[in-house]
Protein backbone atom coordinates (compact mmCIF):
# COMPACT_ATOMS: atom_id res chain seq x y z
CA UNK A 1 -15.57 -5.13 0.50
CA UNK A 2 -16.42 -2.09 2.66
CA UNK A 3 -14.61 -1.21 5.87
CA UNK A 4 -17.74 -1.92 7.88
CA UNK A 5 -17.90 -5.49 6.57
CA UNK A 6 -14.30 -6.33 7.48
CA UNK A 7 -14.00 -8.81 10.32
CA UNK A 8 -11.24 -7.13 12.35
CA UNK A 9 -11.60 -9.68 15.13
CA UNK A 10 -10.69 -12.44 12.67
CA UNK A 11 -7.71 -10.42 11.42
CA UNK A 12 -6.44 -9.74 14.94
CA UNK A 13 -6.80 -13.39 15.89
CA UNK A 14 -4.88 -14.81 12.93
CA UNK A 15 -2.37 -12.02 12.34
CA UNK A 16 0.30 -13.84 14.43
CA UNK A 17 -0.24 -16.95 12.28
CA UNK A 18 0.43 -14.91 9.16
CA UNK A 19 3.53 -13.41 10.78
CA UNK A 20 4.89 -16.91 11.44
CA UNK A 21 4.12 -17.93 7.87
CA UNK A 22 5.85 -14.79 6.59
CA UNK A 23 9.00 -15.66 8.56
CA UNK A 24 8.98 -19.13 7.01
CA UNK A 25 8.42 -17.66 3.53
CA UNK A 26 11.32 -15.23 3.94
CA UNK A 27 13.62 -17.93 5.33
CA UNK A 28 12.92 -20.34 2.49
CA UNK A 29 13.24 -17.57 -0.10
CA UNK A 30 16.51 -16.26 1.34
CA UNK A 31 18.18 -19.67 1.47
CA UNK A 32 16.87 -20.67 -1.95
CA UNK A 33 17.98 -17.40 -3.58
CA UNK A 34 21.46 -17.55 -2.03
CA UNK A 35 21.90 -21.15 -3.19
CA UNK A 36 20.52 -20.24 -6.64
CA UNK A 37 23.04 -17.41 -6.95
CA UNK A 38 25.95 -19.75 -6.13
CA UNK A 39 24.68 -22.31 -8.66
CA UNK A 40 24.17 -19.53 -11.22
CA UNK A 41 27.74 -18.29 -10.83
CA UNK A 42 29.15 -21.80 -11.28
CA UNK A 43 27.00 -22.56 -14.33
CA UNK A 44 27.70 -19.18 -15.94
CA UNK A 45 31.46 -19.61 -15.53
CA UNK A 46 31.37 -23.15 -16.93
CA UNK A 47 29.50 -21.93 -20.02
CA UNK A 48 31.63 -18.80 -20.45
CA UNK A 49 34.91 -20.71 -20.18
CA UNK A 50 33.44 -23.39 -22.50
CA UNK A 51 34.55 -26.25 -20.25
CA UNK A 52 34.18 -29.53 -22.21
CA UNK A 53 31.42 -31.90 -21.08
CA UNK A 54 30.50 -29.64 -18.16
CA UNK A 55 29.34 -27.00 -20.64
CA UNK A 56 26.90 -29.45 -22.25
CA UNK A 57 25.69 -30.53 -18.80
CA UNK A 58 25.17 -26.88 -17.84
CA UNK A 59 23.15 -26.21 -20.99
CA UNK A 60 20.99 -29.27 -20.31
CA UNK A 61 20.42 -28.15 -16.71
CA UNK A 62 19.34 -24.66 -17.79
CA UNK A 63 16.89 -26.03 -20.35
CA UNK A 64 15.38 -28.59 -17.96
CA UNK A 65 15.13 -26.13 -15.10
CA UNK A 66 13.58 -23.28 -17.06
CA UNK A 67 11.09 -25.48 -18.92
CA UNK A 68 9.56 -27.31 -15.96
CA UNK A 69 7.24 -25.63 -13.42
CA UNK A 70 8.51 -25.21 -9.87
CA UNK A 71 5.51 -27.14 -8.52
CA UNK A 72 6.46 -30.17 -10.64
CA UNK A 73 10.03 -29.95 -9.34
CA UNK A 74 8.76 -29.76 -5.77
CA UNK A 75 6.49 -32.77 -6.28
CA UNK A 76 9.46 -34.74 -7.62
CA UNK A 77 11.57 -33.83 -4.58
CA UNK A 78 8.84 -34.30 -1.94
CA UNK A 79 6.87 -37.25 -3.34
CA UNK A 80 9.26 -38.81 -5.85
CA UNK A 81 12.54 -39.06 -3.95
CA UNK A 82 11.03 -41.10 -1.06
CA UNK A 83 10.37 -43.84 -3.62
CA UNK A 84 14.14 -44.35 -3.82
CA UNK A 85 14.71 -43.94 -0.09
CA UNK A 86 15.54 -40.22 -0.01
CA UNK A 87 13.27 -38.35 2.41
CA UNK A 88 13.63 -34.59 2.82
CA UNK A 89 11.60 -32.17 4.90
CA UNK A 90 9.19 -29.84 3.13
CA UNK A 91 11.39 -26.85 3.89
CA UNK A 92 14.50 -28.50 2.44
CA UNK A 93 12.55 -29.51 -0.67
CA UNK A 94 11.38 -25.90 -1.06
CA UNK A 95 14.93 -24.54 -0.76
CA UNK A 96 16.34 -27.09 -3.21
CA UNK A 97 13.47 -26.46 -5.63
CA UNK A 98 14.07 -22.70 -5.58
CA UNK A 99 17.80 -23.32 -6.01
CA UNK A 100 17.22 -25.61 -8.98
CA UNK A 101 14.82 -23.22 -10.68
CA UNK A 102 16.56 -20.00 -9.72
CA UNK A 103 20.05 -21.24 -10.53
CA UNK A 104 19.24 -21.39 -14.24
CA UNK A 105 17.79 -17.87 -14.30
CA UNK A 106 20.74 -16.49 -12.32
CA UNK A 107 23.12 -18.30 -14.66
CA UNK A 108 21.58 -16.75 -17.76
CA UNK A 109 21.68 -13.26 -16.27
CA UNK A 110 25.33 -13.67 -15.25
CA UNK A 111 26.26 -15.26 -18.56
CA UNK A 112 24.89 -12.26 -20.46
CA UNK A 113 26.95 -10.05 -18.18
CA UNK A 114 30.11 -12.08 -18.78
CA UNK A 115 29.58 -12.01 -22.53
CA UNK A 116 29.30 -8.23 -22.42
CA UNK A 117 32.95 -8.04 -21.36
CA UNK A 118 35.23 -7.78 -24.39
CA UNK A 119 37.58 -10.77 -24.48
CA UNK A 120 40.41 -8.50 -25.53
CA UNK A 121 40.53 -7.49 -21.90
CA UNK A 122 41.60 -11.04 -21.08
CA UNK A 123 44.48 -10.72 -23.49
CA UNK A 124 45.43 -7.35 -22.02
CA UNK A 125 45.35 -8.77 -18.50
CA UNK A 126 47.47 -11.75 -19.59
CA UNK A 127 50.01 -9.42 -21.15
CA UNK A 128 50.32 -7.69 -17.79
CA UNK A 129 51.11 -11.00 -16.13
CA UNK A 130 47.72 -11.49 -14.47
CA UNK A 131 46.58 -15.08 -13.99
CA UNK A 132 43.10 -16.35 -14.88
CA UNK A 133 41.80 -16.17 -11.33
CA UNK A 134 43.10 -12.63 -10.79
CA UNK A 135 41.76 -11.51 -14.16
CA UNK A 136 38.33 -12.89 -13.37
CA UNK A 137 38.26 -11.36 -9.90
CA UNK A 138 39.63 -7.92 -10.78
CA UNK A 139 38.67 -7.35 -14.42
CA UNK A 140 35.87 -9.54 -15.72
CA UNK A 141 33.55 -10.30 -12.82
CA UNK A 142 33.06 -6.72 -11.53
CA UNK A 143 31.99 -5.55 -15.00
CA UNK A 144 29.81 -8.60 -15.60
CA UNK A 145 28.12 -8.25 -12.22
CA UNK A 146 27.30 -4.58 -12.83
CA UNK A 147 25.66 -5.44 -16.16
CA UNK A 148 23.81 -8.40 -14.62
CA UNK A 149 22.35 -6.56 -11.63
CA UNK A 150 18.97 -5.65 -13.21
CA UNK A 151 18.40 -9.25 -14.29
CA UNK A 152 19.55 -10.64 -10.95
CA UNK A 153 17.24 -8.30 -9.04
CA UNK A 154 14.32 -9.30 -11.26
CA UNK A 155 15.15 -12.96 -10.58
CA UNK A 156 15.20 -12.36 -6.82
CA UNK A 157 11.72 -10.85 -6.93
CA UNK A 158 10.52 -13.64 -9.21
CA UNK A 159 11.79 -16.33 -6.82
CA UNK A 160 10.20 -14.69 -3.79
CA UNK A 161 6.86 -14.71 -5.59
CA UNK A 162 7.43 -18.34 -6.62
CA UNK A 163 7.45 -19.33 -2.94
CA UNK A 164 3.66 -19.14 -3.17
CA UNK A 165 3.63 -22.65 -4.68
CA UNK A 166 5.52 -24.36 -1.83
CA UNK A 167 2.16 -24.77 -0.09
CA UNK A 168 1.69 -27.62 -2.56
CA UNK A 169 4.04 -29.75 -0.45
CA UNK A 170 2.26 -28.90 2.83
CA UNK A 171 4.71 -26.19 3.87
CA UNK A 172 2.90 -23.65 6.08
CA UNK A 173 3.83 -20.53 4.12
CA UNK A 174 1.60 -17.51 3.52
CA UNK A 175 -0.39 -19.18 0.75
CA UNK A 176 -0.92 -22.37 2.76
CA UNK A 177 -2.24 -20.42 5.76
CA UNK A 178 -4.55 -18.39 3.53
CA UNK A 179 -6.05 -21.44 1.82
CA UNK A 180 -6.41 -23.19 5.16
CA UNK A 181 -8.27 -20.31 6.79
CA UNK A 182 -10.54 -19.80 3.79
CA UNK A 183 -11.40 -23.49 3.82
CA UNK A 184 -12.11 -23.52 7.55
CA UNK A 185 -13.88 -20.20 8.15
CA UNK A 186 -14.85 -18.87 4.70
CA UNK A 187 -13.41 -15.45 5.58
CA UNK A 188 -12.12 -15.03 2.05
CA UNK A 189 -11.76 -11.25 1.94
CA UNK A 190 -9.90 -10.91 5.23
CA UNK A 191 -7.63 -13.89 4.49
CA UNK A 192 -6.69 -12.60 1.04
CA UNK A 193 -6.20 -9.08 2.37
CA UNK A 194 -3.67 -10.29 4.93
CA UNK A 195 -1.97 -12.38 2.24
CA UNK A 196 -1.56 -9.34 -0.03
CA UNK A 197 -0.35 -7.13 2.83
CA UNK A 198 2.33 -9.57 3.94
CA UNK A 199 3.59 -10.17 0.41
CA UNK A 200 3.80 -6.41 -0.07
CA UNK A 201 5.75 -6.09 3.18
CA UNK A 202 8.21 -8.66 1.87
CA UNK A 203 8.47 -7.59 -1.76
CA UNK A 204 8.26 -3.79 -1.64
CA UNK A 205 11.54 -3.29 0.29
CA UNK A 206 13.29 -5.69 -2.09
CA UNK A 207 11.90 -3.86 -5.13
CA UNK A 208 12.87 -0.45 -3.76
CA UNK A 209 16.36 -1.66 -2.86
CA UNK A 210 16.79 -3.17 -6.33
CA UNK A 211 15.66 0.05 -8.02
CA UNK A 212 18.07 2.10 -5.90
CA UNK A 213 20.95 -0.25 -6.69
CA UNK A 214 20.22 -0.05 -10.42
CA UNK A 215 20.11 3.77 -10.29
CA UNK A 216 23.45 3.93 -8.49
CA UNK A 217 25.05 1.64 -11.04
CA UNK A 218 23.57 3.68 -13.89
CA UNK A 219 24.87 6.94 -12.42
CA UNK A 220 28.26 5.28 -11.93
CA UNK A 221 28.37 4.51 -15.65
CA UNK A 222 27.66 0.77 -15.53
CA UNK A 223 25.01 -1.11 -17.46
CA UNK A 224 24.93 1.28 -20.41
């Protein structure tokens, strides 16, 4: 597509619509990722501490979550739950779906970080009179988090890109707006160009921040 063939009038007209969709995309992604991180921490700790029953439930959750597509999970939440009287908004379904999917990926990244910490450090901390909570907070978790950062950052980027499927439950995100405009006006090139630009505006800062964080940790001697 040459510059001369670009319909700048169309772009100018619908740029505000894309901006609104981008705000929605960022809001859903931010809430879903934060919730996923909290779920991931809880699941990783349950598996690391080998809590009876809960450990088996955590393993089952990780397997179910990672082996079902996000779109299927969203359909279950948006179309399936109303069959039993539970009706959620599209935005809430999107956040819960991202939390359910992302929680398992966050959990696996954090679990690998926890397992990288030598358990002899627990014994050393206990010999110094440190309780379990203090040992986790001051000894184990900081080391595990440093090792897990690359995986966590990759998961954040992955989940932001996964927001592209929430249009399947009629949520007016960037992908929904793009498909709608293409269907109405057949301005495919301009619509896709704006889609790519807005996703780059969202993802590039996150990628650069993640790369900088990883470099700082590497220079500090973590993650080796």
